[in-house]
Amino acid sequence: MIKHADVIVDLQAGDTGKGKVAHAIVKENDMVLRYNGGANAGHTVYHEGKKIVTHQVPIGVLFGIPSYIGLGCVVNIQKLVEEIHELQANGIVTDGLIFVDKRVHVVFDYHIEEDTRDSKIGTTRQGIGPAYRDKYSRQGTRIGDLDISSITEFEVCNIYEVLFSGKEKKVLCEGAQGFQIDIDWGDYPYVTSSHCTVGSAILNGIPPQKIQKVIGTMKAYETYSGFKTTFQDENDPILQKIQEVGGEIGATTGRKRKVRWLDLDGVIKAININGVTDLIINKADILKEVGVFRYVYKNEVCECFKLNHMIEEIDNILYVNTKVKNIIWSMTPNGI
């Protein structure tokens, strides 16, 4: 049975440090549930001195915590097995810890081949969109319908039985991508193909009344990977410097991320719709190193002389507009 669940949601366009946050708090939980996306995600963490990048495997496995890929996800079986082998090569014990719900739809090679022809959106070309399309057109294949008995790296399960039987469990729901590219709430058509909100966790079997915390993650500036041309002023040397100092390279694609100043209006919208209770703002140290402190509010660029002034102003604006009290500013890239 579920005792309670905490949900991690990305309030921007992805790459806001969800993996880092999950890594920091996961030991307080009995299981981890990945609730959306597929191999298009890339969560980078530093575990026991090693840099680890996960794509489909939930972060709980790093601590020996049962980790589940929920029915809101799509899975590339071959890449999942390869990812598990990489974890094992890094000394991570995975046996009996990784599970995939039987309803999860499968990404096949023909999905990937179709996705590589994308020239409009700037997808990760992992076959995610075509796989979700087949799911919703009722032509997809679910992993529970396949004979994968020869695969021993993970187990297929029924997430309902996991969530609603046995001892009480604390569940951490780990999201992928972000609110700004949510299929419904994002800047359509420059969006991903899954739901990136707290509602997606509910769709994976978490009752709304069991949600204890909604942990929103964001950065002190914004980044985006894709073909949308209105995101960044490519000629702005300060934004280029933030891109360089922040190491803004996509973990899945290897592409440089476009950078722009923090849009507080968009963040306020994301906080309110997701019901965020705890807010973590990452990479404030990057602005400190660059030495420029700007954000956008009500379509006006606001500039501060010091980071502390920016933090105070933004905290006040967010509290007035969202009532979020627990705001943590992260000053170190590899931890909170």
Protein backbone atom coordinates (compact mmCIF):
# COMPACT_ATOMS: atom_id res chain seq x y z
CA MET A 1 0.00 0.00 0.00
CA ILE A 2 1.04 3.60 -0.58
CA LYS A 3 1.83 5.56 2.56
CA HIS A 4 2.51 8.75 0.65
CA ALA A 5 4.19 9.92 -2.56
CA ASP A 6 6.46 12.82 -3.42
CA VAL A 7 6.53 13.97 -7.04
CA ILE A 8 9.45 15.68 -8.79
CA VAL A 9 8.40 17.94 -11.67
CA ASP A 10 10.50 20.08 -13.98
CA LEU A 11 9.13 23.63 -14.27
CA GLN A 12 11.05 24.64 -17.38
CA ALA A 13 12.06 22.86 -20.59
CA GLY A 14 13.97 20.01 -18.98
CA ASP A 15 17.59 19.82 -17.81
CA THR A 16 16.89 21.53 -14.48
CA GLY A 17 18.56 18.98 -12.20
CA LYS A 18 15.71 16.56 -11.51
CA GLY A 19 18.16 13.68 -11.34
CA LYS A 20 20.35 15.54 -8.87
CA VAL A 21 17.37 16.26 -6.64
CA ALA A 22 16.10 12.68 -6.86
CA HIS A 23 19.58 11.44 -6.01
CA ALA A 24 19.66 13.68 -2.92
CA ILE A 25 16.32 12.59 -1.44
CA VAL A 26 15.73 9.09 -2.77
CA LYS A 27 17.03 7.28 0.32
CA GLU A 28 13.97 8.51 2.25
CA ASN A 29 11.75 6.33 0.03
CA ASP A 30 10.89 2.67 -0.41
CA MET A 31 10.47 2.73 -4.20
CA VAL A 32 10.97 5.05 -7.17
CA LEU A 33 8.47 5.38 -10.02
CA ARG A 34 9.47 6.95 -13.34
CA TYR A 35 6.21 8.32 -14.70
CA ASN A 36 6.80 9.71 -18.22
CA GLY A 37 9.09 9.81 -21.23
CA GLY A 38 11.59 7.28 -22.46
CA ALA A 39 15.20 7.16 -23.66
CA ASN A 40 14.89 10.84 -24.61
CA ALA A 41 15.61 11.75 -20.97
CA GLY A 42 19.07 12.16 -19.51
CA HIS A 43 19.60 12.49 -15.75
CA THR A 44 23.21 13.21 -14.79
CA VAL A 45 24.29 12.59 -11.19
CA TYR A 46 27.54 12.18 -9.29
CA HIS A 47 27.35 8.97 -7.27
CA GLU A 48 30.19 7.91 -5.00
CA GLY A 49 32.61 10.04 -6.99
CA LYS A 50 31.48 8.77 -10.40
CA LYS A 51 29.50 10.60 -13.06
CA ILE A 52 26.43 8.51 -13.87
CA VAL A 53 23.95 9.26 -16.66
CA THR A 54 20.60 7.47 -16.63
CA HIS A 55 18.04 7.60 -19.42
CA GLN A 56 15.30 5.08 -18.67
CA VAL A 57 16.35 3.57 -15.34
CA PRO A 58 14.97 5.40 -12.27
CA ILE A 59 17.59 6.84 -9.93
CA GLY A 60 16.63 4.63 -6.97
CA VAL A 61 18.65 1.70 -8.29
CA LEU A 62 21.86 3.54 -7.34
CA PHE A 63 20.92 3.03 -3.68
CA GLY A 64 19.47 -0.45 -3.94
CA ILE A 65 15.90 0.86 -3.96
CA PRO A 66 13.33 -0.91 -6.19
CA SER A 67 12.88 1.20 -9.32
CA TYR A 68 9.84 1.05 -11.58
CA ILE A 69 9.22 2.30 -15.12
CA GLY A 70 5.56 3.26 -15.09
CA LEU A 71 2.87 2.96 -17.72
CA GLY A 72 3.18 6.64 -18.71
CA CYS A 73 6.57 5.81 -20.21
CA VAL A 74 7.68 4.18 -23.43
CA VAL A 75 10.69 1.88 -23.34
CA ASN A 76 13.40 0.90 -25.77
CA ILE A 77 14.21 -2.61 -24.58
CA GLN A 78 17.63 -2.87 -26.20
CA LYS A 79 18.77 0.50 -24.85
CA LEU A 80 17.35 -0.30 -21.42
CA VAL A 81 19.41 -3.49 -21.27
CA GLU A 82 22.49 -1.58 -22.45
CA GLU A 83 21.92 1.08 -19.79
CA ILE A 84 21.63 -1.56 -17.08
CA HIS A 85 24.90 -3.12 -18.26
CA GLU A 86 26.58 0.30 -18.05
CA LEU A 87 25.35 0.70 -14.49
CA GLN A 88 26.68 -2.74 -13.62
CA ALA A 89 30.03 -1.85 -15.17
CA ASN A 90 30.13 1.11 -12.77
CA GLY A 91 29.66 -1.20 -9.82
CA ILE A 92 25.90 -0.65 -9.40
CA VAL A 93 23.96 -3.74 -8.27
CA THR A 94 20.76 -3.97 -10.32
CA ASP A 95 19.60 -7.55 -9.82
CA GLY A 96 15.98 -7.70 -8.69
CA LEU A 97 15.67 -3.91 -8.56
CA ILE A 98 14.44 -2.79 -12.01
CA PHE A 99 10.84 -3.33 -13.07
CA VAL A 100 8.74 -2.30 -16.08
CA ASP A 101 4.96 -2.15 -15.87
CA LYS A 102 3.30 -4.56 -18.28
CA ARG A 103 1.33 -1.71 -19.90
CA VAL A 104 4.41 0.25 -20.99
CA HIS A 105 4.58 0.66 -24.76
CA VAL A 106 7.67 -0.44 -26.64
CA VAL A 107 9.86 1.71 -28.91
CA PHE A 108 10.95 -0.28 -31.96
CA ASP A 109 13.64 0.38 -34.56
CA TYR A 110 11.07 1.62 -37.06
CA HIS A 111 9.96 4.26 -34.58
CA ILE A 112 13.55 5.48 -34.31
CA GLU A 113 14.05 5.39 -38.07
CA GLU A 114 10.96 7.53 -38.54
CA ASP A 115 12.06 9.94 -35.83
CA THR A 116 15.46 10.50 -37.45
CA ARG A 117 13.64 12.22 -40.31
CA ASP A 118 12.41 14.98 -37.99
CA SER A 119 13.46 18.39 -39.28
CA LYS A 120 10.88 20.66 -37.62
CA ILE A 121 10.81 20.03 -33.87
CA GLY A 122 14.36 19.04 -32.96
CA THR A 123 13.54 15.82 -31.13
CA THR A 124 16.15 13.57 -29.55
CA ARG A 125 15.47 11.10 -32.39
CA GLN A 126 14.88 8.26 -29.95
CA GLY A 127 11.56 7.20 -31.54
CA ILE A 128 9.52 8.63 -28.68
CA GLY A 129 6.93 10.58 -30.66
CA PRO A 130 6.13 7.76 -33.11
CA ALA A 131 5.83 5.28 -30.21
CA TYR A 132 3.38 7.50 -28.33
CA ARG A 133 1.45 8.09 -31.55
CA ASP A 134 1.02 4.35 -31.99
CA LYS A 135 -0.05 4.06 -28.37
CA TYR A 136 -2.83 6.61 -28.73
CA SER A 137 -3.92 5.34 -32.12
CA ARG A 138 -4.27 1.92 -30.45
CA GLN A 139 -1.70 0.33 -32.75
CA GLY A 140 1.17 0.07 -30.28
CA THR A 141 2.73 -2.94 -28.61
CA ARG A 142 2.92 -3.21 -24.84
CA ILE A 143 5.82 -4.96 -23.20
CA GLY A 144 3.48 -7.38 -21.41
CA ASP A 145 2.39 -8.72 -24.79
CA LEU A 146 5.91 -9.75 -25.78
CA ASP A 147 7.84 -12.88 -24.89
CA ILE A 148 10.95 -11.45 -23.28
CA SER A 149 11.60 -14.38 -20.97
CA SER A 150 15.21 -14.50 -22.19
CA ILE A 151 15.87 -11.03 -20.78
CA THR A 152 16.96 -11.17 -17.15
CA GLU A 153 18.17 -7.61 -16.60
CA PHE A 154 14.70 -6.40 -15.54
CA GLU A 155 11.29 -7.81 -14.68
CA VAL A 156 7.84 -7.03 -16.06
CA CYS A 157 5.32 -6.27 -13.33
CA ASN A 158 1.81 -5.01 -12.63
CA ILE A 159 2.29 -1.60 -11.01
CA TYR A 160 -1.21 -1.70 -9.49
CA GLU A 161 -0.32 -4.77 -7.46
CA VAL A 162 2.95 -3.14 -6.39
CA LEU A 163 1.30 0.10 -5.24
CA PHE A 164 -1.74 -1.41 -3.54
CA SER A 165 -0.46 -4.51 -1.78
CA GLY A 166 2.05 -5.38 0.90
CA LYS A 167 3.48 -3.03 3.51
CA GLU A 168 3.07 0.73 3.36
CA LYS A 169 5.51 2.36 0.95
CA LYS A 170 6.94 5.83 0.53
CA VAL A 171 7.06 6.46 -3.20
CA LEU A 172 9.25 8.94 -5.07
CA CYS A 173 7.83 9.80 -8.50
CA GLU A 174 10.62 10.83 -10.87
CA GLY A 175 9.66 12.87 -13.91
CA ALA A 176 11.38 13.53 -17.23
CA GLN A 177 11.47 16.54 -19.56
CA GLY A 178 9.66 19.67 -18.34
CA PHE A 179 6.49 21.75 -18.14
CA GLN A 180 7.46 24.07 -21.00
CA ILE A 181 7.56 21.10 -23.38
CA ASP A 182 4.56 19.23 -21.95
CA ILE A 183 2.37 17.89 -24.75
CA ASP A 184 -0.59 20.00 -23.58
CA TRP A 185 0.89 22.94 -21.62
CA GLY A 186 4.05 23.48 -23.64
CA ASP A 187 4.84 25.74 -26.59
CA TYR A 188 3.15 23.48 -29.14
CA PRO A 189 4.39 22.03 -31.49
CA TYR A 190 7.84 22.39 -29.87
CA VAL A 191 6.96 19.88 -27.19
CA THR A 192 7.63 16.32 -26.13
CA SER A 193 5.06 13.56 -26.55
CA SER A 194 4.24 12.83 -22.92
CA HIS A 195 2.69 14.61 -19.94
CA CYS A 196 5.33 16.31 -17.78
CA THR A 197 3.08 17.54 -14.96
CA VAL A 198 2.17 16.15 -11.56
CA GLY A 199 -0.95 14.80 -13.26
CA SER A 200 1.21 12.29 -15.07
CA ALA A 201 2.18 10.69 -11.76
CA ILE A 202 -1.51 10.32 -10.95
CA LEU A 203 -2.06 8.66 -14.33
CA ASN A 204 0.56 6.10 -13.28
CA GLY A 205 -1.57 4.94 -10.35
CA ILE A 206 -0.77 7.42 -7.57
CA PRO A 207 -4.01 8.58 -5.87
CA PRO A 208 -4.11 12.41 -5.59
CA GLN A 209 -4.71 12.34 -1.83
CA LYS A 210 -1.50 10.32 -1.34
CA ILE A 211 0.71 13.08 -2.73
CA GLN A 212 2.61 14.71 0.13
CA LYS A 213 5.07 16.98 -1.66
CA VAL A 214 5.36 18.30 -5.20
CA ILE A 215 9.00 19.20 -5.65
CA GLY A 216 9.51 21.65 -8.50
CA THR A 217 12.95 22.01 -10.08
CA MET A 218 14.19 24.92 -12.16
CA LYS A 219 17.38 26.80 -12.97
CA ALA A 220 18.31 30.42 -12.29
CA TYR A 221 18.25 30.82 -16.07
CA GLU A 222 16.54 28.77 -18.79
CA THR A 223 17.77 26.29 -21.38
CA TYR A 224 16.21 24.45 -24.29
CA SER A 225 17.28 21.85 -26.84
CA GLY A 226 15.41 21.84 -30.13
CA PHE A 227 14.65 23.79 -33.27
CA LYS A 228 12.54 26.59 -31.77
CA THR A 229 14.27 29.75 -33.03
CA THR A 230 12.71 32.28 -30.65
CA PHE A 231 14.41 31.00 -27.51
CA GLN A 232 17.87 32.56 -27.54
CA ASP A 233 19.58 35.63 -28.92
CA GLU A 234 22.49 33.79 -30.53
CA ASN A 235 24.54 37.00 -30.65
CA ASP A 236 24.30 37.76 -26.92
CA PRO A 237 27.82 37.18 -25.52
CA ILE A 238 26.56 36.96 -21.92
CA LEU A 239 24.13 34.15 -22.73
CA GLN A 240 26.89 32.42 -24.66
CA LYS A 241 29.09 32.70 -21.57
CA ILE A 242 26.37 31.18 -19.38
CA GLN A 243 26.08 28.32 -21.86
CA GLU A 244 29.83 27.73 -21.65
CA VAL A 245 30.27 28.10 -17.89
CA GLY A 246 27.10 26.10 -17.17
CA GLY A 247 28.24 23.21 -19.34
CA GLU A 248 24.93 23.27 -21.15
CA ILE A 249 25.24 20.14 -23.28
CA GLY A 250 22.32 17.71 -23.63
CA ALA A 251 22.96 14.41 -21.83
CA THR A 252 21.04 12.47 -24.50
CA THR A 253 21.77 14.39 -27.70
CA GLY A 254 25.14 15.98 -27.01
CA ARG A 255 23.77 19.22 -28.47
CA LYS A 256 24.49 22.62 -26.98
CA ARG A 257 21.45 23.93 -25.14
CA LYS A 258 20.10 27.35 -26.05
CA VAL A 259 20.07 29.79 -23.13
CA ARG A 260 17.84 32.68 -22.12
CA TRP A 261 17.08 34.67 -18.97
CA LEU A 262 14.71 33.24 -16.39
CA ASP A 263 11.06 33.83 -17.31
CA LEU A 264 9.30 34.25 -13.97
CA ASP A 265 5.83 34.43 -15.50
CA GLY A 266 6.29 30.99 -17.03
CA VAL A 267 7.65 29.57 -13.79
CA ILE A 268 4.72 31.01 -11.79
CA LYS A 269 2.31 29.32 -14.20
CA ALA A 270 4.13 25.99 -13.85
CA ILE A 271 4.23 26.23 -10.04
CA ASN A 272 0.52 26.99 -9.78
CA ILE A 273 -0.65 24.30 -12.20
CA ASN A 274 1.50 21.62 -10.56
CA GLY A 275 0.72 22.68 -6.99
CA VAL A 276 4.41 22.90 -6.09
CA THR A 277 5.09 22.72 -2.35
CA ASP A 278 8.90 22.75 -2.43
CA LEU A 279 10.96 24.65 -5.00
CA ILE A 280 14.61 24.04 -5.85
CA ILE A 281 16.40 26.59 -8.03
CA ASN A 282 19.62 25.14 -9.42
CA LYS A 283 22.76 26.66 -10.94
CA ALA A 284 22.60 30.03 -9.23
CA ASP A 285 26.38 29.66 -8.96
CA ILE A 286 26.68 29.94 -12.75
CA LEU A 287 25.21 33.45 -12.72
CA LYS A 288 27.54 34.32 -9.85
CA GLU A 289 30.55 33.20 -11.86
CA VAL A 290 29.42 35.10 -14.96
CA GLY A 291 28.58 38.13 -12.85
CA VAL A 292 25.28 39.13 -14.49
CA PHE A 293 21.95 38.75 -12.68
CA ARG A 294 18.86 39.17 -14.83
CA TYR A 295 15.35 37.76 -15.03
CA VAL A 296 12.17 38.56 -16.93
CA TYR A 297 8.95 39.46 -15.13
CA LYS A 298 5.77 40.79 -16.77
CA ASN A 299 7.68 40.98 -20.06
CA GLU A 300 10.32 43.30 -18.62
CA VAL A 301 13.98 42.47 -18.11
CA CYS A 302 14.95 43.07 -14.48
CA GLU A 303 18.61 43.43 -13.53
CA CYS A 304 20.19 43.14 -10.10
CA PHE A 305 23.67 44.16 -8.94
CA LYS A 306 24.26 41.10 -6.78
CA LEU A 307 23.00 37.53 -6.66
CA ASN A 308 21.59 38.05 -3.16
CA HIS A 309 19.44 40.90 -4.44
CA MET A 310 18.14 38.71 -7.27
CA ILE A 311 17.34 35.88 -4.85
CA GLU A 312 15.44 38.22 -2.53
CA GLU A 313 13.43 39.76 -5.37
CA ILE A 314 12.53 36.44 -6.96
CA ASP A 315 11.62 34.83 -3.63
CA ASN A 316 9.23 37.70 -2.90
CA ILE A 317 7.64 37.58 -6.36
CA LEU A 318 7.18 33.81 -6.20
CA TYR A 319 5.65 33.93 -2.72
CA VAL A 320 3.17 36.65 -3.67
CA ASN A 321 2.09 34.82 -6.81
CA THR A 322 2.27 31.17 -5.70
CA LYS A 323 2.54 31.09 -1.87
CA VAL A 324 5.47 28.67 -2.08
CA LYS A 325 7.37 29.04 1.18
CA ASN A 326 10.08 26.40 0.90
CA ILE A 327 12.51 27.70 -1.74
CA ILE A 328 16.04 26.34 -1.92
CA TRP A 329 18.69 28.04 -4.10
CA SER A 330 21.38 25.59 -5.15
CA MET A 331 24.86 27.08 -5.22
CA THR A 332 26.84 24.01 -6.26
CA PRO A 333 26.54 22.14 -9.58
CA ASN A 334 26.88 18.63 -8.16
CA GLY A 335 24.71 18.72 -5.07
CA ILE A 336 22.03 20.60 -3.13
